[in-house]
Amino acid sequence: MIGRLNHVAIAVPDLEAAAAQYRDTLGAEVGAPQDEPDHGVTVVFITLPNTKVELLYPLGENSPIAGFLEKNPSGGIHHMCYEVEDIRAAAAKLTASGARVLGDGEPKIGAHGKPVLFLHPKDFTGTLIELEEV
């Protein structure tokens, strides 16, 4: 059902410093910051030959990333994103298997302009999983 790893998302306390570290220290291709108000984050994508890294920074007081950074002030891995061909079919199969889709269960448009869903971390060995339709 799942396809390739689309990205690993890392919550960061300083978006500019994290982007500079990937660009200047690691020599990675770093995209421009983009606000995602529906998700309460500002993101920067780091493009690698085989996948991407998504840097997450809180956008607004109610950002879920703000809560994550309160618990993890240095930042850390927030979620893994896997590609699926049909997000609704994947969600139906997962819920039939007992997995929990977060929110109202309806896909939202993610940072790549494609439908996404998140799966409860308690159902996946403590890891928040994002599914993105490709």
N, C-alpha and C. Protein backbone atom coordinates (compact mmCIF):
# COMPACT_ATOMS: atom_id res chain seq x y z
N MET A 1 0.81 -1.19 0.00
CA MET A 1 0.00 0.00 0.00
C MET A 1 0.86 1.26 0.00
N ILE A 2 1.85 1.36 0.92
CA ILE A 2 2.66 2.59 0.92
C ILE A 2 3.72 2.50 -0.17
N GLY A 3 4.04 3.67 -0.66
CA GLY A 3 5.08 3.77 -1.68
C GLY A 3 6.36 4.29 -1.07
N ARG A 4 7.03 5.11 -1.81
CA ARG A 4 8.35 5.58 -1.35
C ARG A 4 8.22 6.58 -0.22
N LEU A 5 9.30 6.74 0.51
CA LEU A 5 9.39 7.75 1.55
C LEU A 5 9.42 9.11 0.87
N ASN A 6 8.45 9.94 1.16
CA ASN A 6 8.39 11.26 0.55
C ASN A 6 9.29 12.24 1.29
N HIS A 7 9.18 12.25 2.64
CA HIS A 7 10.04 13.12 3.42
C HIS A 7 10.03 12.72 4.89
N VAL A 8 11.04 13.21 5.59
CA VAL A 8 11.12 13.14 7.04
C VAL A 8 11.00 14.58 7.52
N ALA A 9 10.07 14.83 8.44
CA ALA A 9 9.83 16.19 8.94
C ALA A 9 10.51 16.38 10.29
N ILE A 10 11.22 17.49 10.41
CA ILE A 10 11.94 17.81 11.63
C ILE A 10 11.44 19.16 12.14
N ALA A 11 10.93 19.18 13.37
CA ALA A 11 10.54 20.44 14.01
C ALA A 11 11.80 21.14 14.47
N VAL A 12 11.88 22.44 14.21
CA VAL A 12 13.09 23.20 14.55
C VAL A 12 12.71 24.47 15.31
N PRO A 13 13.53 24.85 16.30
CA PRO A 13 13.25 26.07 17.05
C PRO A 13 13.69 27.35 16.32
N ASP A 14 14.55 27.22 15.31
CA ASP A 14 15.04 28.37 14.55
C ASP A 14 15.13 27.94 13.08
N LEU A 15 14.14 28.34 12.30
CA LEU A 15 14.05 27.89 10.91
C LEU A 15 15.21 28.38 10.06
N GLU A 16 15.58 29.63 10.21
CA GLU A 16 16.68 30.19 9.42
C GLU A 16 18.00 29.48 9.73
N ALA A 17 18.27 29.23 11.01
CA ALA A 17 19.52 28.57 11.39
C ALA A 17 19.55 27.13 10.88
N ALA A 18 18.41 26.44 10.96
CA ALA A 18 18.36 25.05 10.49
C ALA A 18 18.55 24.99 8.97
N ALA A 19 17.90 25.89 8.25
CA ALA A 19 18.04 25.92 6.79
C ALA A 19 19.48 26.24 6.40
N ALA A 20 20.09 27.18 7.10
CA ALA A 20 21.48 27.54 6.82
C ALA A 20 22.41 26.37 7.09
N GLN A 21 22.14 25.62 8.15
CA GLN A 21 22.99 24.46 8.46
C GLN A 21 22.93 23.42 7.34
N TYR A 22 21.75 23.13 6.85
CA TYR A 22 21.63 22.18 5.74
C TYR A 22 22.29 22.71 4.47
N ARG A 23 22.09 24.01 4.19
CA ARG A 23 22.64 24.61 2.98
C ARG A 23 24.15 24.78 3.08
N ASP A 24 24.63 25.42 4.16
CA ASP A 24 26.03 25.82 4.25
C ASP A 24 26.94 24.72 4.76
N THR A 25 26.47 23.93 5.71
CA THR A 25 27.32 22.89 6.29
C THR A 25 27.25 21.59 5.50
N LEU A 26 26.02 21.22 5.12
CA LEU A 26 25.85 19.94 4.41
C LEU A 26 25.81 20.09 2.89
N GLY A 27 25.71 21.31 2.39
CA GLY A 27 25.70 21.54 0.94
C GLY A 27 24.42 21.08 0.26
N ALA A 28 23.31 21.08 0.99
CA ALA A 28 22.04 20.61 0.43
C ALA A 28 21.31 21.73 -0.31
N GLU A 29 20.42 21.32 -1.19
CA GLU A 29 19.53 22.24 -1.90
C GLU A 29 18.37 22.59 -0.96
N VAL A 30 18.28 23.86 -0.59
CA VAL A 30 17.29 24.31 0.39
C VAL A 30 16.29 25.23 -0.29
N GLY A 31 15.01 24.89 -0.15
CA GLY A 31 13.95 25.70 -0.73
C GLY A 31 13.63 26.92 0.11
N ALA A 32 12.75 27.75 -0.41
CA ALA A 32 12.31 28.96 0.30
C ALA A 32 11.26 28.59 1.35
N PRO A 33 11.19 29.33 2.43
CA PRO A 33 10.14 29.08 3.42
C PRO A 33 8.76 29.30 2.81
N GLN A 34 7.82 28.46 3.20
CA GLN A 34 6.43 28.63 2.75
C GLN A 34 5.50 28.42 3.94
N ASP A 35 4.60 29.37 4.11
CA ASP A 35 3.61 29.28 5.18
C ASP A 35 2.49 28.34 4.77
N GLU A 36 2.10 27.49 5.70
CA GLU A 36 0.98 26.56 5.50
C GLU A 36 -0.03 26.80 6.62
N PRO A 37 -0.86 27.85 6.48
CA PRO A 37 -1.76 28.23 7.57
C PRO A 37 -2.75 27.13 7.97
N ASP A 38 -3.18 26.29 7.04
CA ASP A 38 -4.11 25.21 7.37
C ASP A 38 -3.49 24.18 8.31
N HIS A 39 -2.16 24.12 8.33
CA HIS A 39 -1.46 23.17 9.18
C HIS A 39 -0.72 23.85 10.33
N GLY A 40 -0.75 25.19 10.36
CA GLY A 40 -0.11 25.93 11.44
C GLY A 40 1.40 25.88 11.43
N VAL A 41 2.00 25.79 10.24
CA VAL A 41 3.45 25.69 10.16
C VAL A 41 4.01 26.53 9.02
N THR A 42 5.27 26.87 9.16
CA THR A 42 6.08 27.35 8.05
C THR A 42 7.04 26.21 7.75
N VAL A 43 7.20 25.88 6.47
CA VAL A 43 8.05 24.75 6.09
C VAL A 43 9.15 25.20 5.15
N VAL A 44 10.24 24.49 5.21
CA VAL A 44 11.34 24.60 4.25
C VAL A 44 11.68 23.18 3.83
N PHE A 45 11.71 22.93 2.53
CA PHE A 45 12.07 21.60 2.05
C PHE A 45 13.53 21.56 1.63
N ILE A 46 14.20 20.50 2.08
CA ILE A 46 15.57 20.21 1.70
C ILE A 46 15.48 19.06 0.70
N THR A 47 15.95 19.28 -0.52
CA THR A 47 15.86 18.26 -1.56
C THR A 47 17.13 17.42 -1.57
N LEU A 48 16.94 16.12 -1.43
CA LEU A 48 18.04 15.15 -1.48
C LEU A 48 17.86 14.29 -2.71
N PRO A 49 18.89 13.55 -3.13
CA PRO A 49 18.74 12.72 -4.33
C PRO A 49 17.63 11.67 -4.22
N ASN A 50 17.35 11.16 -3.00
CA ASN A 50 16.40 10.07 -2.88
C ASN A 50 15.13 10.40 -2.10
N THR A 51 15.06 11.59 -1.49
CA THR A 51 13.88 11.99 -0.73
C THR A 51 14.02 13.46 -0.35
N LYS A 52 13.23 13.91 0.61
CA LYS A 52 13.30 15.29 1.10
C LYS A 52 13.32 15.28 2.63
N VAL A 53 13.81 16.37 3.19
CA VAL A 53 13.68 16.66 4.60
C VAL A 53 12.81 17.91 4.67
N GLU A 54 11.83 17.90 5.56
CA GLU A 54 10.95 19.05 5.73
C GLU A 54 11.23 19.66 7.10
N LEU A 55 11.68 20.90 7.11
CA LEU A 55 11.88 21.61 8.36
C LEU A 55 10.56 22.29 8.71
N LEU A 56 10.11 22.10 9.96
CA LEU A 56 8.83 22.65 10.42
C LEU A 56 9.06 23.69 11.50
N TYR A 57 8.38 24.81 11.38
CA TYR A 57 8.46 25.86 12.37
C TYR A 57 7.04 26.35 12.65
N PRO A 58 6.72 26.67 13.92
CA PRO A 58 5.36 27.08 14.24
C PRO A 58 4.91 28.34 13.50
N LEU A 59 3.68 28.32 13.04
CA LEU A 59 3.05 29.48 12.42
C LEU A 59 1.82 29.79 13.27
N GLY A 60 1.96 30.74 14.16
CA GLY A 60 0.86 31.10 15.04
C GLY A 60 0.89 30.37 16.37
N GLU A 61 0.12 30.89 17.30
CA GLU A 61 0.10 30.36 18.66
C GLU A 61 -0.47 28.95 18.76
N ASN A 62 -1.39 28.61 17.89
CA ASN A 62 -2.08 27.32 17.98
C ASN A 62 -1.41 26.23 17.15
N SER A 63 -0.21 26.49 16.69
CA SER A 63 0.51 25.51 15.88
C SER A 63 0.79 24.24 16.68
N PRO A 64 0.53 23.06 16.08
CA PRO A 64 0.91 21.83 16.77
C PRO A 64 2.42 21.71 16.97
N ILE A 65 3.17 22.40 16.16
CA ILE A 65 4.63 22.36 16.28
C ILE A 65 5.09 23.14 17.51
N ALA A 66 4.34 24.18 17.91
CA ALA A 66 4.69 24.92 19.12
C ALA A 66 4.65 23.99 20.33
N GLY A 67 3.63 23.16 20.41
CA GLY A 67 3.53 22.19 21.51
C GLY A 67 4.64 21.17 21.47
N PHE A 68 4.98 20.72 20.27
CA PHE A 68 6.07 19.76 20.11
C PHE A 68 7.38 20.37 20.61
N LEU A 69 7.63 21.64 20.24
CA LEU A 69 8.88 22.29 20.64
C LEU A 69 8.91 22.62 22.13
N GLU A 70 7.75 22.81 22.75
CA GLU A 70 7.73 22.99 24.20
C GLU A 70 8.25 21.74 24.90
N LYS A 71 7.88 20.58 24.37
CA LYS A 71 8.32 19.30 24.95
C LYS A 71 9.73 18.94 24.51
N ASN A 72 10.12 19.45 23.35
CA ASN A 72 11.43 19.13 22.75
C ASN A 72 12.08 20.45 22.30
N PRO A 73 12.61 21.25 23.21
CA PRO A 73 13.09 22.59 22.86
C PRO A 73 14.19 22.64 21.81
N SER A 74 14.95 21.57 21.68
CA SER A 74 16.01 21.53 20.66
C SER A 74 15.47 21.10 19.30
N GLY A 75 14.20 20.70 19.24
CA GLY A 75 13.61 20.19 18.00
C GLY A 75 13.75 18.69 17.94
N GLY A 76 13.40 18.13 16.80
CA GLY A 76 13.52 16.69 16.61
C GLY A 76 12.60 16.20 15.50
N ILE A 77 12.71 14.91 15.22
CA ILE A 77 11.89 14.32 14.16
C ILE A 77 10.43 14.38 14.60
N HIS A 78 9.60 14.93 13.73
CA HIS A 78 8.17 15.09 14.02
C HIS A 78 7.34 14.00 13.35
N HIS A 79 7.60 13.72 12.07
CA HIS A 79 6.84 12.67 11.38
C HIS A 79 7.58 12.17 10.15
N MET A 80 7.09 11.03 9.66
CA MET A 80 7.57 10.44 8.41
C MET A 80 6.40 10.49 7.43
N CYS A 81 6.68 10.81 6.18
CA CYS A 81 5.64 10.88 5.16
C CYS A 81 5.89 9.84 4.07
N TYR A 82 4.86 9.02 3.84
CA TYR A 82 4.92 8.00 2.80
C TYR A 82 3.91 8.32 1.71
N GLU A 83 4.25 7.97 0.49
CA GLU A 83 3.36 8.19 -0.64
C GLU A 83 2.38 7.03 -0.78
N VAL A 84 1.15 7.36 -1.18
CA VAL A 84 0.13 6.37 -1.50
C VAL A 84 -0.53 6.80 -2.80
N GLU A 85 -1.02 5.82 -3.55
CA GLU A 85 -1.68 6.14 -4.82
C GLU A 85 -3.08 6.69 -4.61
N ASP A 86 -3.82 6.14 -3.66
CA ASP A 86 -5.20 6.55 -3.42
C ASP A 86 -5.37 6.75 -1.91
N ILE A 87 -5.39 8.00 -1.48
CA ILE A 87 -5.39 8.28 -0.05
C ILE A 87 -6.67 7.82 0.64
N ARG A 88 -7.80 7.91 -0.03
CA ARG A 88 -9.06 7.47 0.58
C ARG A 88 -9.09 5.95 0.73
N ALA A 89 -8.60 5.24 -0.27
CA ALA A 89 -8.55 3.77 -0.17
C ALA A 89 -7.57 3.36 0.93
N ALA A 90 -6.44 4.06 1.03
CA ALA A 90 -5.46 3.76 2.08
C ALA A 90 -6.07 4.00 3.45
N ALA A 91 -6.79 5.12 3.61
CA ALA A 91 -7.42 5.43 4.90
C ALA A 91 -8.47 4.38 5.25
N ALA A 92 -9.25 3.95 4.28
CA ALA A 92 -10.28 2.93 4.53
C ALA A 92 -9.64 1.61 4.97
N LYS A 93 -8.58 1.21 4.30
CA LYS A 93 -7.89 -0.03 4.66
C LYS A 93 -7.28 0.07 6.06
N LEU A 94 -6.68 1.20 6.35
CA LEU A 94 -6.04 1.40 7.65
C LEU A 94 -7.07 1.40 8.78
N THR A 95 -8.16 2.12 8.61
CA THR A 95 -9.18 2.15 9.67
C THR A 95 -9.83 0.79 9.84
N ALA A 96 -9.99 0.04 8.76
CA ALA A 96 -10.53 -1.32 8.87
C ALA A 96 -9.58 -2.22 9.65
N SER A 97 -8.29 -1.88 9.63
CA SER A 97 -7.28 -2.65 10.36
C SER A 97 -7.11 -2.16 11.80
N GLY A 98 -7.86 -1.10 12.17
CA GLY A 98 -7.79 -0.59 13.54
C GLY A 98 -6.91 0.62 13.72
N ALA A 99 -6.29 1.12 12.67
CA ALA A 99 -5.46 2.32 12.77
C ALA A 99 -6.37 3.55 12.84
N ARG A 100 -5.89 4.58 13.51
CA ARG A 100 -6.67 5.80 13.66
C ARG A 100 -6.13 6.91 12.76
N VAL A 101 -7.02 7.48 11.97
CA VAL A 101 -6.70 8.65 11.17
C VAL A 101 -7.01 9.87 12.03
N LEU A 102 -6.07 10.79 12.12
CA LEU A 102 -6.25 11.97 12.96
C LEU A 102 -7.18 12.99 12.30
N GLY A 103 -7.72 13.88 13.12
CA GLY A 103 -8.62 14.91 12.62
C GLY A 103 -9.97 14.32 12.29
N ASP A 104 -10.63 14.91 11.30
CA ASP A 104 -11.96 14.45 10.93
C ASP A 104 -11.94 13.31 9.92
N GLY A 105 -10.74 12.85 9.57
CA GLY A 105 -10.62 11.74 8.63
C GLY A 105 -10.61 12.15 7.17
N GLU A 106 -10.87 13.41 6.91
CA GLU A 106 -10.87 13.91 5.54
C GLU A 106 -9.49 14.43 5.17
N PRO A 107 -8.99 14.09 3.99
CA PRO A 107 -7.69 14.60 3.58
C PRO A 107 -7.70 16.13 3.50
N LYS A 108 -6.55 16.72 3.82
CA LYS A 108 -6.33 18.15 3.64
C LYS A 108 -5.24 18.31 2.61
N ILE A 109 -5.15 19.48 2.04
CA ILE A 109 -4.09 19.74 1.06
C ILE A 109 -2.82 20.08 1.82
N GLY A 110 -1.74 19.35 1.52
CA GLY A 110 -0.46 19.54 2.19
C GLY A 110 0.44 20.53 1.48
N ALA A 111 1.66 20.62 1.94
CA ALA A 111 2.63 21.59 1.44
C ALA A 111 3.00 21.38 -0.02
N HIS A 112 2.79 20.16 -0.55
CA HIS A 112 3.08 19.91 -1.96
C HIS A 112 1.86 20.09 -2.84
N GLY A 113 0.75 20.58 -2.24
CA GLY A 113 -0.48 20.78 -3.01
C GLY A 113 -1.25 19.50 -3.27
N LYS A 114 -0.95 18.45 -2.51
CA LYS A 114 -1.60 17.15 -2.68
C LYS A 114 -2.31 16.75 -1.40
N PRO A 115 -3.32 15.88 -1.49
CA PRO A 115 -4.05 15.45 -0.29
C PRO A 115 -3.16 14.68 0.68
N VAL A 116 -3.32 14.98 1.98
CA VAL A 116 -2.55 14.31 3.03
C VAL A 116 -3.47 13.92 4.19
N LEU A 117 -3.07 12.90 4.92
CA LEU A 117 -3.70 12.46 6.16
C LEU A 117 -2.60 12.10 7.15
N PHE A 118 -2.92 12.21 8.43
CA PHE A 118 -1.98 11.79 9.47
C PHE A 118 -2.56 10.63 10.25
N LEU A 119 -1.70 9.70 10.65
CA LEU A 119 -2.09 8.51 11.39
C LEU A 119 -1.55 8.60 12.81
N HIS A 120 -2.34 8.14 13.76
CA HIS A 120 -1.99 8.26 15.18
C HIS A 120 -0.67 7.55 15.48
N PRO A 121 0.25 8.24 16.17
CA PRO A 121 1.55 7.62 16.46
C PRO A 121 1.46 6.38 17.35
N LYS A 122 0.45 6.28 18.19
CA LYS A 122 0.33 5.10 19.05
C LYS A 122 0.03 3.84 18.24
N ASP A 123 -0.43 4.00 17.02
CA ASP A 123 -0.72 2.86 16.16
C ASP A 123 0.49 2.44 15.32
N PHE A 124 1.57 3.25 15.35
CA PHE A 124 2.75 3.00 14.51
C PHE A 124 4.03 3.19 15.31
N THR A 125 4.17 2.41 16.36
CA THR A 125 5.36 2.37 17.22
C THR A 125 5.86 3.75 17.64
N GLY A 126 4.91 4.65 17.97
CA GLY A 126 5.28 5.96 18.48
C GLY A 126 5.66 6.96 17.42
N THR A 127 5.43 6.66 16.16
CA THR A 127 5.81 7.57 15.08
C THR A 127 4.57 8.13 14.40
N LEU A 128 4.49 9.45 14.32
CA LEU A 128 3.43 10.10 13.57
C LEU A 128 3.69 9.84 12.09
N ILE A 129 2.68 9.32 11.41
CA ILE A 129 2.82 9.00 9.98
C ILE A 129 1.92 9.91 9.17
N GLU A 130 2.49 10.49 8.13
CA GLU A 130 1.71 11.28 7.16
C GLU A 130 1.64 10.45 5.88
N LEU A 131 0.47 10.41 5.28
CA LEU A 131 0.30 9.80 3.96
C LEU A 131 0.01 10.92 2.98
N GLU A 132 0.67 10.87 1.83
CA GLU A 132 0.45 11.88 0.78
C GLU A 132 0.09 11.17 -0.51
N GLU A 133 -1.01 11.58 -1.11
CA GLU A 133 -1.42 10.99 -2.38
C GLU A 133 -0.54 11.52 -3.50
N VAL A 134 -0.08 10.60 -4.34
CA VAL A 134 0.77 11.01 -5.49
C VAL A 134 0.07 10.73 -6.80
